[in-house]
Amino acid sequence: LGISLEVPTVDGKAKVTIPSGTQPGTVLRLRNKGIPDINGYNQRG
């Protein structure tokens, strides 16, 4: 049916929307919610 819910991140909770008919193995991506690059470049996963 689809649903909107919250998922944990290192910065707190983030809201995501799951479309109806979502299949197992589907991947969603939250940009810049990962780990900073130790080598610099001001980038984050």
PDB file of all heavy atoms in Angstrom:
ATOM      1  N   LEU A   1       0.803  -1.222   0.000  1.00  0.00           N
ATOM      2  CA  LEU A   1       0.000   0.000   0.000  1.00  0.00           C
ATOM      3  C   LEU A   1       0.837   1.274   0.000  1.00  0.00           C
ATOM      4  O   LEU A   1       0.344   2.340  -0.374  1.00  0.00           O
ATOM      5  CB  LEU A   1      -0.928   0.007   1.226  1.00  0.00           C
ATOM      6  CG  LEU A   1      -1.904  -1.180   1.334  1.00  0.00           C
ATOM      7  CD1 LEU A   1      -2.669  -1.107   2.653  1.00  0.00           C
ATOM      8  CD2 LEU A   1      -2.867  -1.205   0.153  1.00  0.00           C
ATOM      9  N   GLY A   2       2.103   1.159   0.459  1.00  0.00           N
ATOM     10  CA  GLY A   2       2.937   2.351   0.603  1.00  0.00           C
ATOM     11  C   GLY A   2       2.746   2.978   1.970  1.00  0.00           C
ATOM     12  O   GLY A   2       1.694   2.813   2.610  1.00  0.00           O
ATOM     13  N   ILE A   3       3.772   3.714   2.423  1.00  0.00           N
ATOM     14  CA  ILE A   3       3.686   4.312   3.753  1.00  0.00           C
ATOM     15  C   ILE A   3       4.782   5.371   3.907  1.00  0.00           C
ATOM     16  O   ILE A   3       5.818   5.316   3.252  1.00  0.00           O
ATOM     17  CB  ILE A   3       3.844   3.222   4.845  1.00  0.00           C
ATOM     18  CG1 ILE A   3       3.548   3.787   6.232  1.00  0.00           C
ATOM     19  CG2 ILE A   3       5.241   2.620   4.790  1.00  0.00           C
ATOM     20  CD1 ILE A   3       3.543   2.717   7.329  1.00  0.00           C
ATOM     21  N   SER A   4       4.513   6.369   4.789  1.00  0.00           N
ATOM     22  CA  SER A   4       5.537   7.337   5.179  1.00  0.00           C
ATOM     23  C   SER A   4       5.945   7.040   6.616  1.00  0.00           C
ATOM     24  O   SER A   4       5.081   6.869   7.481  1.00  0.00           O
ATOM     25  CB  SER A   4       4.997   8.773   5.084  1.00  0.00           C
ATOM     26  OG  SER A   4       4.806   9.148   3.738  1.00  0.00           O
ATOM     27  N   LEU A   5       7.222   6.966   6.855  1.00  0.00           N
ATOM     28  CA  LEU A   5       7.699   6.639   8.202  1.00  0.00           C
ATOM     29  C   LEU A   5       9.079   7.257   8.433  1.00  0.00           C
ATOM     30  O   LEU A   5       9.685   7.812   7.529  1.00  0.00           O
ATOM     31  CB  LEU A   5       7.728   5.119   8.423  1.00  0.00           C
ATOM     32  CG  LEU A   5       8.259   4.220   7.294  1.00  0.00           C
ATOM     33  CD1 LEU A   5       9.744   4.331   7.158  1.00  0.00           C
ATOM     34  CD2 LEU A   5       7.874   2.772   7.581  1.00  0.00           C
ATOM     35  N   GLU A   6       9.584   7.139   9.669  1.00  0.00           N
ATOM     36  CA  GLU A   6      10.889   7.695  10.025  1.00  0.00           C
ATOM     37  C   GLU A   6      11.930   6.583  10.138  1.00  0.00           C
ATOM     38  O   GLU A   6      11.618   5.481  10.610  1.00  0.00           O
ATOM     39  CB  GLU A   6      10.807   8.460  11.346  1.00  0.00           C
ATOM     40  CG  GLU A   6      10.015   9.760  11.252  1.00  0.00           C
ATOM     41  CD  GLU A   6      10.024  10.532  12.562  1.00  0.00           C
ATOM     42  OE1 GLU A   6      10.108   9.883  13.629  1.00  0.00           O
ATOM     43  OE2 GLU A   6       9.966  11.780  12.520  1.00  0.00           O
ATOM     44  N   VAL A   7      13.137   6.919   9.726  1.00  0.00           N
ATOM     45  CA  VAL A   7      14.252   5.976   9.841  1.00  0.00           C
ATOM     46  C   VAL A   7      15.369   6.650  10.640  1.00  0.00           C
ATOM     47  O   VAL A   7      15.502   7.883  10.624  1.00  0.00           O
ATOM     48  CB  VAL A   7      14.781   5.543   8.455  1.00  0.00           C
ATOM     49  CG1 VAL A   7      13.711   4.780   7.691  1.00  0.00           C
ATOM     50  CG2 VAL A   7      15.282   6.737   7.656  1.00  0.00           C
ATOM     51  N   PRO A   8      16.202   5.864  11.344  1.00  0.00           N
ATOM     52  CA  PRO A   8      17.284   6.461  12.128  1.00  0.00           C
ATOM     53  C   PRO A   8      18.459   6.878  11.236  1.00  0.00           C
ATOM     54  O   PRO A   8      18.773   6.219  10.244  1.00  0.00           O
ATOM     55  CB  PRO A   8      17.699   5.330  13.063  1.00  0.00           C
ATOM     56  CG  PRO A   8      17.352   4.077  12.325  1.00  0.00           C
ATOM     57  CD  PRO A   8      16.120   4.400  11.532  1.00  0.00           C
ATOM     58  N   THR A   9      19.087   7.991  11.591  1.00  0.00           N
ATOM     59  CA  THR A   9      20.345   8.425  10.969  1.00  0.00           C
ATOM     60  C   THR A   9      21.272   8.874  12.098  1.00  0.00           C
ATOM     61  O   THR A   9      20.839   9.018  13.253  1.00  0.00           O
ATOM     62  CB  THR A   9      20.139   9.587   9.982  1.00  0.00           C
ATOM     63  OG1 THR A   9      19.906  10.795  10.710  1.00  0.00           O
ATOM     64  CG2 THR A   9      18.980   9.321   9.026  1.00  0.00           C
ATOM     65  N   VAL A  10      22.529   9.157  11.787  1.00  0.00           N
ATOM     66  CA  VAL A  10      23.451   9.628  12.820  1.00  0.00           C
ATOM     67  C   VAL A  10      23.130  11.058  13.237  1.00  0.00           C
ATOM     68  O   VAL A  10      23.625  11.546  14.259  1.00  0.00           O
ATOM     69  CB  VAL A  10      24.912   9.552  12.333  1.00  0.00           C
ATOM     70  CG1 VAL A  10      25.378   8.113  12.248  1.00  0.00           C
ATOM     71  CG2 VAL A  10      25.088  10.270  11.001  1.00  0.00           C
ATOM     72  N   ASP A  11      22.291  11.740  12.461  1.00  0.00           N
ATOM     73  CA  ASP A  11      21.891  13.112  12.785  1.00  0.00           C
ATOM     74  C   ASP A  11      20.500  13.179  13.408  1.00  0.00           C
ATOM     75  O   ASP A  11      19.956  14.271  13.588  1.00  0.00           O
ATOM     76  CB  ASP A  11      21.917  13.973  11.513  1.00  0.00           C
ATOM     77  CG  ASP A  11      23.299  14.020  10.881  1.00  0.00           C
ATOM     78  OD1 ASP A  11      24.286  14.112  11.635  1.00  0.00           O
ATOM     79  OD2 ASP A  11      23.384  13.953   9.648  1.00  0.00           O
ATOM     80  N   GLY A  12      19.916  12.033  13.722  1.00  0.00           N
ATOM     81  CA  GLY A  12      18.555  12.008  14.240  1.00  0.00           C
ATOM     82  C   GLY A  12      17.657  11.212  13.313  1.00  0.00           C
ATOM     83  O   GLY A  12      18.122  10.360  12.548  1.00  0.00           O
ATOM     84  N   LYS A  13      16.363  11.481  13.354  1.00  0.00           N
ATOM     85  CA  LYS A  13      15.395  10.774  12.518  1.00  0.00           C
ATOM     86  C   LYS A  13      15.213  11.499  11.186  1.00  0.00           C
ATOM     87  O   LYS A  13      15.305  12.718  11.102  1.00  0.00           O
ATOM     88  CB  LYS A  13      14.044  10.667  13.232  1.00  0.00           C
ATOM     89  CG  LYS A  13      14.071   9.864  14.525  1.00  0.00           C
ATOM     90  CD  LYS A  13      14.237   8.372  14.254  1.00  0.00           C
ATOM     91  CE  LYS A  13      14.104   7.550  15.546  1.00  0.00           C
ATOM     92  NZ  LYS A  13      14.224   6.108  15.305  1.00  0.00           N
ATOM     93  N   ALA A  14      14.930  10.708  10.155  1.00  0.00           N
ATOM     94  CA  ALA A  14      14.636  11.266   8.836  1.00  0.00           C
ATOM     95  C   ALA A  14      13.387  10.595   8.296  1.00  0.00           C
ATOM     96  O   ALA A  14      13.211   9.379   8.437  1.00  0.00           O
ATOM     97  CB  ALA A  14      15.807  11.058   7.882  1.00  0.00           C
ATOM     98  N   LYS A  15      12.496  11.394   7.665  1.00  0.00           N
ATOM     99  CA  LYS A  15      11.239  10.853   7.154  1.00  0.00           C
ATOM    100  C   LYS A  15      11.429  10.398   5.710  1.00  0.00           C
ATOM    101  O   LYS A  15      11.999  11.113   4.894  1.00  0.00           O
ATOM    102  CB  LYS A  15      10.140  11.916   7.234  1.00  0.00           C
ATOM    103  CG  LYS A  15       8.738  11.381   6.988  1.00  0.00           C
ATOM    104  CD  LYS A  15       7.687  12.444   7.290  1.00  0.00           C
ATOM    105  CE  LYS A  15       6.285  11.879   7.142  1.00  0.00           C
ATOM    106  NZ  LYS A  15       5.250  12.896   7.462  1.00  0.00           N
ATOM    107  N   VAL A  16      10.929   9.202   5.415  1.00  0.00           N
ATOM    108  CA  VAL A  16      10.991   8.673   4.052  1.00  0.00           C
ATOM    109  C   VAL A  16       9.604   8.198   3.634  1.00  0.00           C
ATOM    110  O   VAL A  16       8.794   7.807   4.467  1.00  0.00           O
ATOM    111  CB  VAL A  16      12.000   7.510   3.929  1.00  0.00           C
ATOM    112  CG1 VAL A  16      13.411   7.983   4.198  1.00  0.00           C
ATOM    113  CG2 VAL A  16      11.621   6.360   4.856  1.00  0.00           C
ATOM    114  N   THR A  17       9.359   8.237   2.348  1.00  0.00           N
ATOM    115  CA  THR A  17       8.085   7.786   1.793  1.00  0.00           C
ATOM    116  C   THR A  17       8.322   6.536   0.969  1.00  0.00           C
ATOM    117  O   THR A  17       9.157   6.536   0.042  1.00  0.00           O
ATOM    118  CB  THR A  17       7.457   8.875   0.915  1.00  0.00           C
ATOM    119  OG1 THR A  17       7.197  10.032   1.730  1.00  0.00           O
ATOM    120  CG2 THR A  17       6.156   8.399   0.311  1.00  0.00           C
ATOM    121  N   ILE A  18       7.582   5.474   1.316  1.00  0.00           N
ATOM    122  CA  ILE A  18       7.703   4.208   0.609  1.00  0.00           C
ATOM    123  C   ILE A  18       6.538   4.107  -0.375  1.00  0.00           C
ATOM    124  O   ILE A  18       5.366   4.064   0.039  1.00  0.00           O
ATOM    125  CB  ILE A  18       7.667   3.012   1.585  1.00  0.00           C
ATOM    126  CG1 ILE A  18       8.694   3.200   2.709  1.00  0.00           C
ATOM    127  CG2 ILE A  18       7.891   1.710   0.827  1.00  0.00           C
ATOM    128  CD1 ILE A  18      10.107   3.292   2.257  1.00  0.00           C
ATOM    129  N   PRO A  19       6.808   4.098  -1.671  1.00  0.00           N
ATOM    130  CA  PRO A  19       5.719   4.015  -2.650  1.00  0.00           C
ATOM    131  C   PRO A  19       5.008   2.665  -2.564  1.00  0.00           C
ATOM    132  O   PRO A  19       5.584   1.662  -2.127  1.00  0.00           O
ATOM    133  CB  PRO A  19       6.428   4.173  -4.003  1.00  0.00           C
ATOM    134  CG  PRO A  19       7.791   4.704  -3.681  1.00  0.00           C
ATOM    135  CD  PRO A  19       8.114   4.204  -2.318  1.00  0.00           C
ATOM    136  N   SER A  20       3.763   2.638  -2.978  1.00  0.00           N
ATOM    137  CA  SER A  20       3.022   1.370  -3.028  1.00  0.00           C
ATOM    138  C   SER A  20       3.674   0.437  -4.041  1.00  0.00           C
ATOM    139  O   SER A  20       4.210   0.868  -5.058  1.00  0.00           O
ATOM    140  CB  SER A  20       1.560   1.624  -3.414  1.00  0.00           C
ATOM    141  OG  SER A  20       1.486   2.232  -4.695  1.00  0.00           O
ATOM    142  N   GLY A  21       3.672  -0.836  -3.733  1.00  0.00           N
ATOM    143  CA  GLY A  21       4.260  -1.833  -4.630  1.00  0.00           C
ATOM    144  C   GLY A  21       5.774  -1.910  -4.540  1.00  0.00           C
ATOM    145  O   GLY A  21       6.416  -2.468  -5.435  1.00  0.00           O
ATOM    146  N   THR A  22       6.352  -1.386  -3.469  1.00  0.00           N
ATOM    147  CA  THR A  22       7.809  -1.453  -3.312  1.00  0.00           C
ATOM    148  C   THR A  22       8.245  -2.895  -3.097  1.00  0.00           C
ATOM    149  O   THR A  22       7.682  -3.619  -2.271  1.00  0.00           O
ATOM    150  CB  THR A  22       8.263  -0.581  -2.124  1.00  0.00           C
ATOM    151  OG1 THR A  22       7.973   0.779  -2.418  1.00  0.00           O
ATOM    152  CG2 THR A  22       9.759  -0.724  -1.880  1.00  0.00           C
ATOM    153  N   GLN A  23       9.275  -3.314  -3.860  1.00  0.00           N
ATOM    154  CA  GLN A  23       9.735  -4.698  -3.814  1.00  0.00           C
ATOM    155  C   GLN A  23      10.892  -4.867  -2.827  1.00  0.00           C
ATOM    156  O   GLN A  23      11.662  -3.925  -2.581  1.00  0.00           O
ATOM    157  CB  GLN A  23      10.209  -5.124  -5.211  1.00  0.00           C
ATOM    158  CG  GLN A  23       9.150  -5.026  -6.286  1.00  0.00           C
ATOM    159  CD  GLN A  23       7.959  -5.916  -6.005  1.00  0.00           C
ATOM    160  OE1 GLN A  23       8.113  -7.043  -5.525  1.00  0.00           O
ATOM    161  NE2 GLN A  23       6.758  -5.417  -6.287  1.00  0.00           N
ATOM    162  N   PRO A  24      11.036  -6.065  -2.245  1.00  0.00           N
ATOM    163  CA  PRO A  24      12.209  -6.343  -1.410  1.00  0.00           C
ATOM    164  C   PRO A  24      13.486  -6.161  -2.231  1.00  0.00           C
ATOM    165  O   PRO A  24      13.531  -6.500  -3.408  1.00  0.00           O
ATOM    166  CB  PRO A  24      12.023  -7.817  -1.021  1.00  0.00           C
ATOM    167  CG  PRO A  24      10.571  -8.085  -1.193  1.00  0.00           C
ATOM    168  CD  PRO A  24      10.116  -7.214  -2.320  1.00  0.00           C
ATOM    169  N   GLY A  25      14.521  -5.608  -1.612  1.00  0.00           N
ATOM    170  CA  GLY A  25      15.773  -5.356  -2.313  1.00  0.00           C
ATOM    171  C   GLY A  25      15.856  -3.967  -2.919  1.00  0.00           C
ATOM    172  O   GLY A  25      16.917  -3.567  -3.406  1.00  0.00           O
ATOM    173  N   THR A  26      14.728  -3.234  -2.882  1.00  0.00           N
ATOM    174  CA  THR A  26      14.757  -1.848  -3.354  1.00  0.00           C
ATOM    175  C   THR A  26      15.671  -1.025  -2.436  1.00  0.00           C
ATOM    176  O   THR A  26      15.690  -1.227  -1.221  1.00  0.00           O
ATOM    177  CB  THR A  26      13.341  -1.244  -3.361  1.00  0.00           C
ATOM    178  OG1 THR A  26      12.522  -2.001  -4.253  1.00  0.00           O
ATOM    179  CG2 THR A  26      13.356   0.212  -3.804  1.00  0.00           C
ATOM    180  N   VAL A  27      16.420  -0.110  -3.034  1.00  0.00           N
ATOM    181  CA  VAL A  27      17.357   0.712  -2.266  1.00  0.00           C
ATOM    182  C   VAL A  27      16.973   2.180  -2.380  1.00  0.00           C
ATOM    183  O   VAL A  27      16.777   2.691  -3.482  1.00  0.00           O
ATOM    184  CB  VAL A  27      18.808   0.506  -2.767  1.00  0.00           C
ATOM    185  CG1 VAL A  27      19.739   1.517  -2.120  1.00  0.00           C
ATOM    186  CG2 VAL A  27      19.275  -0.909  -2.453  1.00  0.00           C
ATOM    187  N   LEU A  28      16.840   2.827  -1.237  1.00  0.00           N
ATOM    188  CA  LEU A  28      16.642   4.272  -1.185  1.00  0.00           C
ATOM    189  C   LEU A  28      17.933   4.896  -0.668  1.00  0.00           C
ATOM    190  O   LEU A  28      18.693   4.265   0.064  1.00  0.00           O
ATOM    191  CB  LEU A  28      15.480   4.623  -0.269  1.00  0.00           C
ATOM    192  CG  LEU A  28      14.125   3.955  -0.578  1.00  0.00           C
ATOM    193  CD1 LEU A  28      13.085   4.369   0.454  1.00  0.00           C
ATOM    194  CD2 LEU A  28      13.648   4.294  -1.982  1.00  0.00           C
ATOM    195  N   ARG A  29      18.167   6.165  -1.028  1.00  0.00           N
ATOM    196  CA  ARG A  29      19.426   6.808  -0.650  1.00  0.00           C
ATOM    197  C   ARG A  29      19.156   8.180  -0.037  1.00  0.00           C
ATOM    198  O   ARG A  29      18.474   9.013  -0.646  1.00  0.00           O
ATOM    199  CB  ARG A  29      20.320   6.945  -1.882  1.00  0.00           C
ATOM    200  CG  ARG A  29      21.739   7.404  -1.574  1.00  0.00           C
ATOM    201  CD  ARG A  29      22.559   7.432  -2.852  1.00  0.00           C
ATOM    202  NE  ARG A  29      22.854   6.103  -3.341  1.00  0.00           N
ATOM    203  CZ  ARG A  29      23.938   5.402  -3.025  1.00  0.00           C
ATOM    204  NH1 ARG A  29      24.835   5.943  -2.198  1.00  0.00           N
ATOM    205  NH2 ARG A  29      24.140   4.203  -3.510  1.00  0.00           N
ATOM    206  N   LEU A  30      19.700   8.390   1.161  1.00  0.00           N
ATOM    207  CA  LEU A  30      19.643   9.702   1.808  1.00  0.00           C
ATOM    208  C   LEU A  30      21.006  10.364   1.634  1.00  0.00           C
ATOM    209  O   LEU A  30      22.000   9.924   2.211  1.00  0.00           O
ATOM    210  CB  LEU A  30      19.317   9.553   3.296  1.00  0.00           C
ATOM    211  CG  LEU A  30      17.975   8.888   3.637  1.00  0.00           C
ATOM    212  CD1 LEU A  30      17.801   8.793   5.150  1.00  0.00           C
ATOM    213  CD2 LEU A  30      16.806   9.650   3.026  1.00  0.00           C
ATOM    214  N   ARG A  31      21.053  11.408   0.812  1.00  0.00           N
ATOM    215  CA  ARG A  31      22.311  12.047   0.471  1.00  0.00           C
ATOM    216  C   ARG A  31      22.942  12.759   1.680  1.00  0.00           C
ATOM    217  O   ARG A  31      22.257  13.394   2.471  1.00  0.00           O
ATOM    218  CB  ARG A  31      22.092  13.066  -0.652  1.00  0.00           C
ATOM    219  CG  ARG A  31      21.583  12.456  -1.963  1.00  0.00           C
ATOM    220  CD  ARG A  31      22.665  11.639  -2.640  1.00  0.00           C
ATOM    221  NE  ARG A  31      22.197  11.055  -3.895  1.00  0.00           N
ATOM    222  CZ  ARG A  31      22.911  10.231  -4.643  1.00  0.00           C
ATOM    223  NH1 ARG A  31      24.132   9.894  -4.227  1.00  0.00           N
ATOM    224  NH2 ARG A  31      22.425   9.741  -5.764  1.00  0.00           N
ATOM    225  N   ASN A  32      24.268  12.598   1.795  1.00  0.00           N
ATOM    226  CA  ASN A  32      25.064  13.298   2.819  1.00  0.00           C
ATOM    227  C   ASN A  32      24.637  12.969   4.251  1.00  0.00           C
ATOM    228  O   ASN A  32      24.775  13.796   5.147  1.00  0.00           O
ATOM    229  CB  ASN A  32      25.014  14.810   2.603  1.00  0.00           C
ATOM    230  CG  ASN A  32      25.579  15.212   1.251  1.00  0.00           C
ATOM    231  OD1 ASN A  32      26.610  14.710   0.822  1.00  0.00           O
ATOM    232  ND2 ASN A  32      24.878  16.116   0.573  1.00  0.00           N
ATOM    233  N   LYS A  33      24.142  11.765   4.453  1.00  0.00           N
ATOM    234  CA  LYS A  33      23.782  11.318   5.797  1.00  0.00           C
ATOM    235  C   LYS A  33      24.736  10.231   6.292  1.00  0.00           C
ATOM    236  O   LYS A  33      24.464   9.579   7.295  1.00  0.00           O
ATOM    237  CB  LYS A  33      22.341  10.782   5.822  1.00  0.00           C
ATOM    238  CG  LYS A  33      21.280  11.839   5.605  1.00  0.00           C
ATOM    239  CD  LYS A  33      21.233  12.824   6.753  1.00  0.00           C
ATOM    240  CE  LYS A  33      20.100  13.836   6.596  1.00  0.00           C
ATOM    241  NZ  LYS A  33      20.086  14.811   7.719  1.00  0.00           N
ATOM    242  N   GLY A  34      25.868  10.070   5.582  1.00  0.00           N
ATOM    243  CA  GLY A  34      26.835   9.048   5.954  1.00  0.00           C
ATOM    244  C   GLY A  34      27.989   9.610   6.751  1.00  0.00           C
ATOM    245  O   GLY A  34      27.817  10.504   7.591  1.00  0.00           O
ATOM    246  N   ILE A  35      29.196   9.117   6.471  1.00  0.00           N
ATOM    247  CA  ILE A  35      30.400   9.449   7.238  1.00  0.00           C
ATOM    248  C   ILE A  35      31.295  10.369   6.412  1.00  0.00           C
ATOM    249  O   ILE A  35      31.480  10.152   5.209  1.00  0.00           O
ATOM    250  CB  ILE A  35      31.156   8.159   7.599  1.00  0.00           C
ATOM    251  CG1 ILE A  35      30.275   7.282   8.496  1.00  0.00           C
ATOM    252  CG2 ILE A  35      32.475   8.464   8.300  1.00  0.00           C
ATOM    253  CD1 ILE A  35      30.844   5.915   8.774  1.00  0.00           C
ATOM    254  N   PRO A  36      31.861  11.410   7.024  1.00  0.00           N
ATOM    255  CA  PRO A  36      32.788  12.286   6.291  1.00  0.00           C
ATOM    256  C   PRO A  36      34.006  11.516   5.783  1.00  0.00           C
ATOM    257  O   PRO A  36      34.466  10.567   6.426  1.00  0.00           O
ATOM    258  CB  PRO A  36      33.200  13.330   7.339  1.00  0.00           C
ATOM    259  CG  PRO A  36      32.093  13.310   8.349  1.00  0.00           C
ATOM    260  CD  PRO A  36      31.622  11.886   8.394  1.00  0.00           C
ATOM    261  N   ASP A  37      34.546  11.953   4.661  1.00  0.00           N
ATOM    262  CA  ASP A  37      35.741  11.343   4.081  1.00  0.00           C
ATOM    263  C   ASP A  37      36.965  11.830   4.846  1.00  0.00           C
ATOM    264  O   ASP A  37      37.224  13.030   4.905  1.00  0.00           O
ATOM    265  CB  ASP A  37      35.835  11.728   2.600  1.00  0.00           C
ATOM    266  CG  ASP A  37      36.963  11.010   1.874  1.00  0.00           C
ATOM    267  OD1 ASP A  37      37.813  10.392   2.553  1.00  0.00           O
ATOM    268  OD2 ASP A  37      36.999  11.069   0.634  1.00  0.00           O
ATOM    269  N   ILE A  38      37.737  10.896   5.430  1.00  0.00           N
ATOM    270  CA  ILE A  38      38.905  11.257   6.223  1.00  0.00           C
ATOM    271  C   ILE A  38      39.952  11.972   5.378  1.00  0.00           C
ATOM    272  O   ILE A  38      40.769  12.748   5.879  1.00  0.00           O
ATOM    273  CB  ILE A  38      39.532   9.988   6.877  1.00  0.00           C
ATOM    274  CG1 ILE A  38      40.690  10.349   7.820  1.00  0.00           C
ATOM    275  CG2 ILE A  38      40.003   9.029   5.815  1.00  0.00           C
ATOM    276  CD1 ILE A  38      40.301  11.155   9.003  1.00  0.00           C
ATOM    277  N   ASN A  39      39.935  11.741   4.060  1.00  0.00           N
ATOM    278  CA  ASN A  39      40.908  12.373   3.170  1.00  0.00           C
ATOM    279  C   ASN A  39      40.533  13.799   2.809  1.00  0.00           C
ATOM    280  O   ASN A  39      41.240  14.456   2.053  1.00  0.00           O
ATOM    281  CB  ASN A  39      41.055  11.543   1.887  1.00  0.00           C
ATOM    282  CG  ASN A  39      41.652  10.178   2.166  1.00  0.00           C
ATOM    283  OD1 ASN A  39      42.603  10.066   2.929  1.00  0.00           O
ATOM    284  ND2 ASN A  39      41.078   9.151   1.581  1.00  0.00           N
ATOM    285  N   GLY A  40      39.424  14.292   3.333  1.00  0.00           N
ATOM    286  CA  GLY A  40      39.044  15.683   3.097  1.00  0.00           C
ATOM    287  C   GLY A  40      38.071  15.847   1.958  1.00  0.00           C
ATOM    288  O   GLY A  40      37.125  15.067   1.799  1.00  0.00           O
ATOM    289  N   TYR A  41      38.320  16.856   1.169  1.00  0.00           N
ATOM    290  CA  TYR A  41      37.480  17.203   0.018  1.00  0.00           C
ATOM    291  C   TYR A  41      36.076  17.634   0.431  1.00  0.00           C
ATOM    292  O   TYR A  41      35.199  17.799  -0.403  1.00  0.00           O
ATOM    293  CB  TYR A  41      37.381  16.033  -0.972  1.00  0.00           C
ATOM    294  CG  TYR A  41      38.703  15.415  -1.313  1.00  0.00           C
ATOM    295  CD1 TYR A  41      38.980  14.091  -0.965  1.00  0.00           C
ATOM    296  CD2 TYR A  41      39.700  16.157  -1.947  1.00  0.00           C
ATOM    297  CE1 TYR A  41      40.206  13.524  -1.254  1.00  0.00           C
ATOM    298  CE2 TYR A  41      40.928  15.592  -2.238  1.00  0.00           C
ATOM    299  CZ  TYR A  41      41.175  14.269  -1.891  1.00  0.00           C
ATOM    300  OH  TYR A  41      42.387  13.703  -2.165  1.00  0.00           O
ATOM    301  N   ASN A  42      35.839  17.783   1.742  1.00  0.00           N
ATOM    302  CA  ASN A  42      34.543  18.253   2.245  1.00  0.00           C
ATOM    303  C   ASN A  42      33.399  17.379   1.743  1.00  0.00           C
ATOM    304  O   ASN A  42      32.313  17.855   1.425  1.00  0.00           O
ATOM    305  CB  ASN A  42      34.316  19.720   1.828  1.00  0.00           C
ATOM    306  CG  ASN A  42      33.295  20.411   2.713  1.00  0.00           C
ATOM    307  OD1 ASN A  42      33.115  20.035   3.874  1.00  0.00           O
ATOM    308  ND2 ASN A  42      32.611  21.406   2.168  1.00  0.00           N
ATOM    309  N   GLN A  43      33.648  16.077   1.654  1.00  0.00           N
ATOM    310  CA  GLN A  43      32.636  15.146   1.163  1.00  0.00           C
ATOM    311  C   GLN A  43      32.143  14.258   2.295  1.00  0.00           C
ATOM    312  O   GLN A  43      32.876  13.971   3.238  1.00  0.00           O
ATOM    313  CB  GLN A  43      33.204  14.279   0.035  1.00  0.00           C
ATOM    314  CG  GLN A  43      33.518  15.062  -1.235  1.00  0.00           C
ATOM    315  CD  GLN A  43      34.065  14.161  -2.332  1.00  0.00           C
ATOM    316  OE1 GLN A  43      34.445  13.027  -2.082  1.00  0.00           O
ATOM    317  NE2 GLN A  43      34.094  14.673  -3.540  1.00  0.00           N
ATOM    318  N   ARG A  44      30.910  13.808   2.154  1.00  0.00           N
ATOM    319  CA  ARG A  44      30.316  12.923   3.143  1.00  0.00           C
ATOM    320  C   ARG A  44      29.522  11.851   2.414  1.00  0.00           C
ATOM    321  O   ARG A  44      28.912  12.116   1.371  1.00  0.00           O
ATOM    322  CB  ARG A  44      29.408  13.725   4.079  1.00  0.00           C
ATOM    323  CG  ARG A  44      28.838  12.925   5.236  1.00  0.00           C
ATOM    324  CD  ARG A  44      28.096  13.827   6.206  1.00  0.00           C
ATOM    325  NE  ARG A  44      27.414  13.057   7.226  1.00  0.00           N
ATOM    326  CZ  ARG A  44      26.694  13.575   8.214  1.00  0.00           C
ATOM    327  NH1 ARG A  44      26.583  14.898   8.310  1.00  0.00           N
ATOM    328  NH2 ARG A  44      26.091  12.808   9.102  1.00  0.00           N
ATOM    329  N   GLY A  45      29.559  10.641   2.932  1.00  0.00           N
ATOM    330  CA  GLY A  45      28.833   9.548   2.307  1.00  0.00           C
ATOM    331  C   GLY A  45      27.334   9.671   2.489  1.00  0.00           C
ATOM    332  O   GLY A  45      26.817  10.642   3.048  1.00  0.00           O
TER     333      GLY A  45
END
